Amino acid sequence: AALSSLTGEDYEGCNASFPSVTMEQQQQLLMFYHPEPQVPSEDSLHIVHEFWGRNAASSLALKLESLLAVWLLNCFEHSEEPVGFSTFFLPAFISHDCRPTACG
């Protein structure tokens, strides 16, 4: 999902084809909770080097690292066949506890 959260501009120089999002959609995704990485992980760097080459900007790997965190921390599985994930933009900003304690 993180790779599909890059914009068409982000895909310039990529040697594979992935679905893309608009800049506005990407900015909305990056509003979700996620830790702000200071450096990209080895995994993100490897993905960027594999698809964009060794000369790709490290800022792309850092953006991919952020988007990966967004999807890991804010998505829900919505289908099993095929496996699909969703985020829910507005409800994510309602004050809540990810581990609710209310009794029914």
C-alpha atoms as a PDB file:
ATOM      1  CA  ALA A   1       0.000   0.000   0.000  1.00  0.00           C
ATOM      2  CA  ALA A   2       2.874   2.379   0.736  1.00  0.00           C
ATOM      3  CA  LEU A   3       4.226   2.045  -2.811  1.00  0.00           C
ATOM      4  CA  SER A   4       0.752   2.836  -4.158  1.00  0.00           C
ATOM      5  CA  SER A   5       0.700   5.992  -2.023  1.00  0.00           C
ATOM      6  CA  LEU A   6       3.367   7.724  -4.080  1.00  0.00           C
ATOM      7  CA  THR A   7       2.463  10.370  -6.663  1.00  0.00           C
ATOM      8  CA  GLY A   8       3.114  10.249 -10.390  1.00  0.00           C
ATOM      9  CA  GLU A   9       5.954  12.695  -9.813  1.00  0.00           C
ATOM     10  CA  ASP A  10       7.466  10.333  -7.221  1.00  0.00           C
ATOM     11  CA  TYR A  11       7.464   7.582  -9.864  1.00  0.00           C
ATOM     12  CA  GLU A  12       9.676   9.494 -12.293  1.00  0.00           C
ATOM     13  CA  GLY A  13      12.616   7.221 -13.071  1.00  0.00           C
ATOM     14  CA  CYS A  14      10.933   4.123 -11.594  1.00  0.00           C
ATOM     15  CA  ASN A  15      11.434   0.953 -13.640  1.00  0.00           C
ATOM     16  CA  ALA A  16       8.116  -0.606 -12.545  1.00  0.00           C
ATOM     17  CA  SER A  17       4.473   0.416 -12.805  1.00  0.00           C
ATOM     18  CA  PHE A  18       2.403   1.031  -9.671  1.00  0.00           C
ATOM     19  CA  PRO A  19      -0.900   2.811  -9.050  1.00  0.00           C
ATOM     20  CA  SER A  20      -0.355   6.380  -7.859  1.00  0.00           C
ATOM     21  CA  VAL A  21      -2.222   8.951  -5.792  1.00  0.00           C
ATOM     22  CA  THR A  22      -2.635  12.689  -6.209  1.00  0.00           C
ATOM     23  CA  MET A  23      -0.483  15.085  -4.206  1.00  0.00           C
ATOM     24  CA  GLU A  24      -3.577  15.980  -2.136  1.00  0.00           C
ATOM     25  CA  GLN A  25      -4.267  12.315  -1.325  1.00  0.00           C
ATOM     26  CA  GLN A  26      -0.652  11.775  -0.333  1.00  0.00           C
ATOM     27  CA  GLN A  27      -0.698  14.856   1.908  1.00  0.00           C
ATOM     28  CA  GLN A  28      -3.869  13.577   3.579  1.00  0.00           C
ATOM     29  CA  LEU A  29      -2.261  10.184   4.204  1.00  0.00           C
ATOM     30  CA  LEU A  30       0.761  11.883   5.752  1.00  0.00           C
ATOM     31  CA  MET A  31      -1.565  13.682   8.187  1.00  0.00           C
ATOM     32  CA  PHE A  32      -2.288  10.323   9.859  1.00  0.00           C
ATOM     33  CA  TYR A  33      -0.329   9.442  12.954  1.00  0.00           C
ATOM     34  CA  HIS A  34       3.134   8.085  12.224  1.00  0.00           C
ATOM     35  CA  PRO A  35       6.547   8.540  13.794  1.00  0.00           C
ATOM     36  CA  GLU A  36       8.685  10.955  11.796  1.00  0.00           C
ATOM     37  CA  PRO A  37      11.685   8.959  10.596  1.00  0.00           C
ATOM     38  CA  GLN A  38      15.026  10.748  10.677  1.00  0.00           C
ATOM     39  CA  VAL A  39      16.673   8.346   8.248  1.00  0.00           C
ATOM     40  CA  PRO A  40      15.162   5.741   5.927  1.00  0.00           C
ATOM     41  CA  SER A  41      15.390   2.110   6.963  1.00  0.00           C
ATOM     42  CA  GLU A  42      17.591  -0.318   5.070  1.00  0.00           C
ATOM     43  CA  ASP A  43      14.406  -1.923   3.697  1.00  0.00           C
ATOM     44  CA  SER A  44      13.096   1.372   2.274  1.00  0.00           C
ATOM     45  CA  LEU A  45      16.485   2.138   0.766  1.00  0.00           C
ATOM     46  CA  HIS A  46      16.604  -1.332  -0.780  1.00  0.00           C
ATOM     47  CA  ILE A  47      13.138  -0.891  -2.356  1.00  0.00           C
ATOM     48  CA  VAL A  48      14.055   2.513  -3.778  1.00  0.00           C
ATOM     49  CA  HIS A  49      17.391   1.251  -5.115  1.00  0.00           C
ATOM     50  CA  GLU A  50      15.677  -1.785  -6.664  1.00  0.00           C
ATOM     51  CA  PHE A  51      12.998   0.211  -8.512  1.00  0.00           C
ATOM     52  CA  TRP A  52      14.645   3.622  -9.046  1.00  0.00           C
ATOM     53  CA  GLY A  53      18.344   2.706  -9.114  1.00  0.00           C
ATOM     54  CA  ARG A  54      21.235   3.548  -6.811  1.00  0.00           C
ATOM     55  CA  ASN A  55      21.195   7.228  -7.797  1.00  0.00           C
ATOM     56  CA  ALA A  56      17.653   7.799  -6.494  1.00  0.00           C
ATOM     57  CA  ALA A  57      17.256  10.549  -3.920  1.00  0.00           C
ATOM     58  CA  SER A  58      17.299   9.386  -0.308  1.00  0.00           C
ATOM     59  CA  SER A  59      14.339  11.743   0.271  1.00  0.00           C
ATOM     60  CA  LEU A  60      12.202   9.285  -1.718  1.00  0.00           C
ATOM     61  CA  ALA A  61      13.201   6.456   0.642  1.00  0.00           C
ATOM     62  CA  LEU A  62      12.370   8.703   3.607  1.00  0.00           C
ATOM     63  CA  LYS A  63       8.930   9.489   2.134  1.00  0.00           C
ATOM     64  CA  LEU A  64       8.350   5.779   1.520  1.00  0.00           C
ATOM     65  CA  GLU A  65       9.363   5.078   5.136  1.00  0.00           C
ATOM     66  CA  SER A  66       6.761   7.605   6.360  1.00  0.00           C
ATOM     67  CA  LEU A  67       4.028   6.180   4.131  1.00  0.00           C
ATOM     68  CA  LEU A  68       4.825   2.657   5.289  1.00  0.00           C
ATOM     69  CA  ALA A  69       4.407   3.777   8.911  1.00  0.00           C
ATOM     70  CA  VAL A  70       1.091   5.462   8.032  1.00  0.00           C
ATOM     71  CA  TRP A  71      -0.275   2.236   6.541  1.00  0.00           C
ATOM     72  CA  LEU A  72       1.058   0.023   9.332  1.00  0.00           C
ATOM     73  CA  LEU A  73      -0.459   2.185  12.070  1.00  0.00           C
ATOM     74  CA  ASN A  74      -3.706   3.414  10.499  1.00  0.00           C
ATOM     75  CA  CYS A  75      -5.169   0.843   8.139  1.00  0.00           C
ATOM     76  CA  PHE A  76      -7.844  -1.782   8.435  1.00  0.00           C
ATOM     77  CA  GLU A  77      -8.280  -4.939   6.395  1.00  0.00           C
ATOM     78  CA  HIS A  78     -11.515  -4.629   4.432  1.00  0.00           C
ATOM     79  CA  SER A  79     -11.417  -7.744   2.245  1.00  0.00           C
ATOM     80  CA  GLU A  80      -9.792 -11.137   2.296  1.00  0.00           C
ATOM     81  CA  GLU A  81      -9.983 -12.139  -1.393  1.00  0.00           C
ATOM     82  CA  PRO A  82      -8.167 -10.241  -2.693  1.00  0.00           C
ATOM     83  CA  VAL A  83      -6.566  -8.840   0.442  1.00  0.00           C
ATOM     84  CA  GLY A  84      -7.427  -5.157   0.653  1.00  0.00           C
ATOM     85  CA  PHE A  85      -6.692  -2.401   3.140  1.00  0.00           C
ATOM     86  CA  SER A  86      -8.410   0.924   3.821  1.00  0.00           C
ATOM     87  CA  THR A  87      -7.839   4.058   5.806  1.00  0.00           C
ATOM     88  CA  PHE A  88     -10.680   6.200   7.117  1.00  0.00           C
ATOM     89  CA  PHE A  89      -9.582   9.815   6.976  1.00  0.00           C
ATOM     90  CA  LEU A  90     -12.110  11.791   9.038  1.00  0.00           C
ATOM     91  CA  PRO A  91     -12.806   9.190  11.762  1.00  0.00           C
ATOM     92  CA  ALA A  92      -9.049   8.935  12.409  1.00  0.00           C
ATOM     93  CA  PHE A  93      -9.064  12.490  13.732  1.00  0.00           C
ATOM     94  CA  ILE A  94     -11.883  11.962  16.240  1.00  0.00           C
ATOM     95  CA  SER A  95     -10.509  11.740  19.750  1.00  0.00           C
ATOM     96  CA  HIS A  96     -10.233   8.033  20.543  1.00  0.00           C
ATOM     97  CA  ASP A  97      -8.150   5.411  22.252  1.00  0.00           C
ATOM     98  CA  CYS A  98      -6.836   2.622  20.070  1.00  0.00           C
ATOM     99  CA  ARG A  99      -7.401   0.323  23.054  1.00  0.00           C
ATOM    100  CA  PRO A 100     -10.900   1.312  24.236  1.00  0.00           C
ATOM    101  CA  THR A 101     -11.874   0.543  27.812  1.00  0.00           C
ATOM    102  CA  ALA A 102     -15.601   1.253  27.697  1.00  0.00           C
ATOM    103  CA  CYS A 103     -17.842  -1.597  28.845  1.00  0.00           C
ATOM    104  CA  GLY A 104     -20.996  -2.433  26.926  1.00  0.00           C
END
